[in-house]
Amino acid sequence: MVKKSFEHCPADRYKYDWGTCSSSNGFAQVDTRQDASFYGTWANPEKRTIFNYCEGDCTTTTCDTDEEFIAEMRELEEWNIKMGGFCKVDAGLREGAQEPWKRLGLGDMLH
């Protein structure tokens, strides 16, 4: 089952870049045309979690299965492309960071 939780967290996206959603916690930044100090999205394929920060509003999506996580990532990609943007995953440079994405069949989203 896909679970979404919402919370108001006044800050800016950099709190999450270097904290909860850092690469050391297994997260990768999901790069989109909308990225700014007030907007960001991160995903963790091993925890099957997607986190979005938008102007102080935080949405956490947690998936029970790999299939649900894949579907959520593809929906995110599709929406961004439909809106004239892009959606790519920056898994970072740490060793093995790209492997979970490739294992799930999401390697084409890496850049």
Protein backbone atom coordinates (compact mmCIF):
# COMPACT_ATOMS: atom_id res chain seq x y z
CA MET A 1 0.00 0.00 0.00
CA VAL A 2 1.21 3.52 -0.78
CA LYS A 3 1.04 5.83 2.24
CA LYS A 4 1.29 9.61 2.06
CA SER A 5 1.84 11.85 5.03
CA PHE A 6 1.79 15.64 5.08
CA GLU A 7 3.44 18.05 7.46
CA HIS A 8 4.23 21.76 7.57
CA CYS A 9 7.97 22.30 8.06
CA PRO A 10 9.01 25.93 7.71
CA ALA A 11 12.60 25.98 6.46
CA ASP A 12 14.18 25.70 3.04
CA ARG A 13 15.12 22.68 0.98
CA TYR A 14 18.74 22.75 2.12
CA LYS A 15 17.71 21.51 5.55
CA TYR A 16 16.77 18.24 3.80
CA ASP A 17 19.69 18.18 1.32
CA TRP A 18 22.15 17.98 4.20
CA GLY A 19 19.92 16.19 6.71
CA THR A 20 17.12 13.68 6.43
CA CYS A 21 17.40 13.32 2.65
CA SER A 22 21.17 13.26 2.35
CA SER A 23 22.97 10.64 0.31
CA SER A 24 24.45 9.27 3.53
CA ASN A 25 20.88 8.30 4.45
CA GLY A 26 20.41 6.50 1.10
CA PHE A 27 18.47 9.27 -0.61
CA ALA A 28 19.06 10.62 -4.10
CA GLN A 29 17.97 14.01 -5.32
CA VAL A 30 15.24 13.89 -7.96
CA ASP A 31 16.16 16.76 -10.25
CA THR A 32 13.35 18.67 -11.96
CA ARG A 33 12.93 22.04 -13.65
CA GLN A 34 11.16 23.29 -10.51
CA ASP A 35 14.14 22.89 -8.16
CA ALA A 36 14.79 26.00 -6.06
CA SER A 37 15.45 26.94 -2.45
CA PHE A 38 11.71 26.49 -1.84
CA TYR A 39 11.25 23.18 -3.72
CA GLY A 40 12.96 19.80 -3.85
CA THR A 41 12.30 16.11 -4.17
CA TRP A 42 14.39 13.17 -2.95
CA ALA A 43 13.90 9.40 -3.15
CA ASN A 44 15.31 6.36 -1.42
CA PRO A 45 14.84 3.14 -3.44
CA GLU A 46 15.87 0.88 -0.57
CA LYS A 47 13.38 2.42 1.87
CA ARG A 48 10.89 2.90 -1.02
CA THR A 49 10.36 6.48 0.12
CA ILE A 50 9.85 9.73 -1.81
CA PHE A 51 10.08 13.03 0.05
CA ASN A 52 8.98 16.38 -1.38
CA TYR A 53 9.51 19.83 0.11
CA CYS A 54 7.47 22.69 -1.37
CA GLU A 55 7.34 26.10 0.30
CA GLY A 56 7.30 24.66 3.81
CA ASP A 57 4.96 21.78 3.03
CA CYS A 58 6.46 18.30 3.26
CA THR A 59 4.98 15.19 1.68
CA THR A 60 6.39 11.76 2.41
CA THR A 61 5.31 8.86 0.21
CA THR A 62 6.16 5.40 1.49
CA CYS A 63 5.58 2.30 -0.62
CA ASP A 64 5.27 -1.27 0.65
CA THR A 65 6.57 -2.90 -2.53
CA ASP A 66 9.15 -2.24 -5.21
CA GLU A 67 6.36 -2.18 -7.78
CA GLU A 68 4.57 0.62 -5.93
CA PHE A 69 7.80 2.61 -5.65
CA ILE A 70 8.51 2.16 -9.36
CA ALA A 71 4.96 3.29 -10.22
CA GLU A 72 5.29 6.39 -8.00
CA MET A 73 8.63 7.32 -9.59
CA ARG A 74 7.24 6.83 -13.10
CA GLU A 75 4.21 8.97 -12.22
CA LEU A 76 6.53 11.70 -10.95
CA GLU A 77 8.56 11.47 -14.17
CA GLU A 78 5.46 11.51 -16.37
CA TRP A 79 3.96 14.55 -14.63
CA ASN A 80 7.17 16.57 -14.90
CA ILE A 81 7.58 15.76 -18.58
CA LYS A 82 3.91 16.55 -19.24
CA MET A 83 4.47 19.98 -17.64
CA GLY A 84 7.34 20.66 -20.03
CA GLY A 85 10.13 19.74 -17.66
CA PHE A 86 12.28 16.75 -16.89
CA CYS A 87 12.76 14.30 -14.04
CA LYS A 88 16.16 12.70 -13.45
CA VAL A 89 17.73 11.04 -10.43
CA ASP A 90 21.11 12.17 -9.14
CA ALA A 91 22.19 9.15 -7.11
CA GLY A 92 25.52 10.77 -6.30
CA LEU A 93 29.03 9.41 -6.49
CA ARG A 94 29.20 7.05 -3.54
CA GLU A 95 30.03 3.51 -4.54
CA GLY A 96 26.96 1.41 -5.31
CA ALA A 97 24.54 4.35 -5.19
CA GLN A 98 23.20 3.69 -8.68
CA GLU A 99 22.71 -0.06 -8.24
CA PRO A 100 19.32 -0.01 -6.44
CA TRP A 101 17.93 2.21 -9.20
CA LYS A 102 19.19 -0.09 -11.92
CA ARG A 103 17.95 -3.19 -10.06
CA LEU A 104 14.44 -1.68 -10.02
CA GLY A 105 14.56 -0.94 -13.75
CA LEU A 106 14.82 2.82 -13.12
CA GLY A 107 18.36 3.16 -14.48
CA ASP A 108 17.07 5.28 -17.36
CA MET A 109 16.13 7.97 -14.83
CA LEU A 110 19.74 8.35 -13.64
CA HIS A 111 21.93 11.15 -14.89
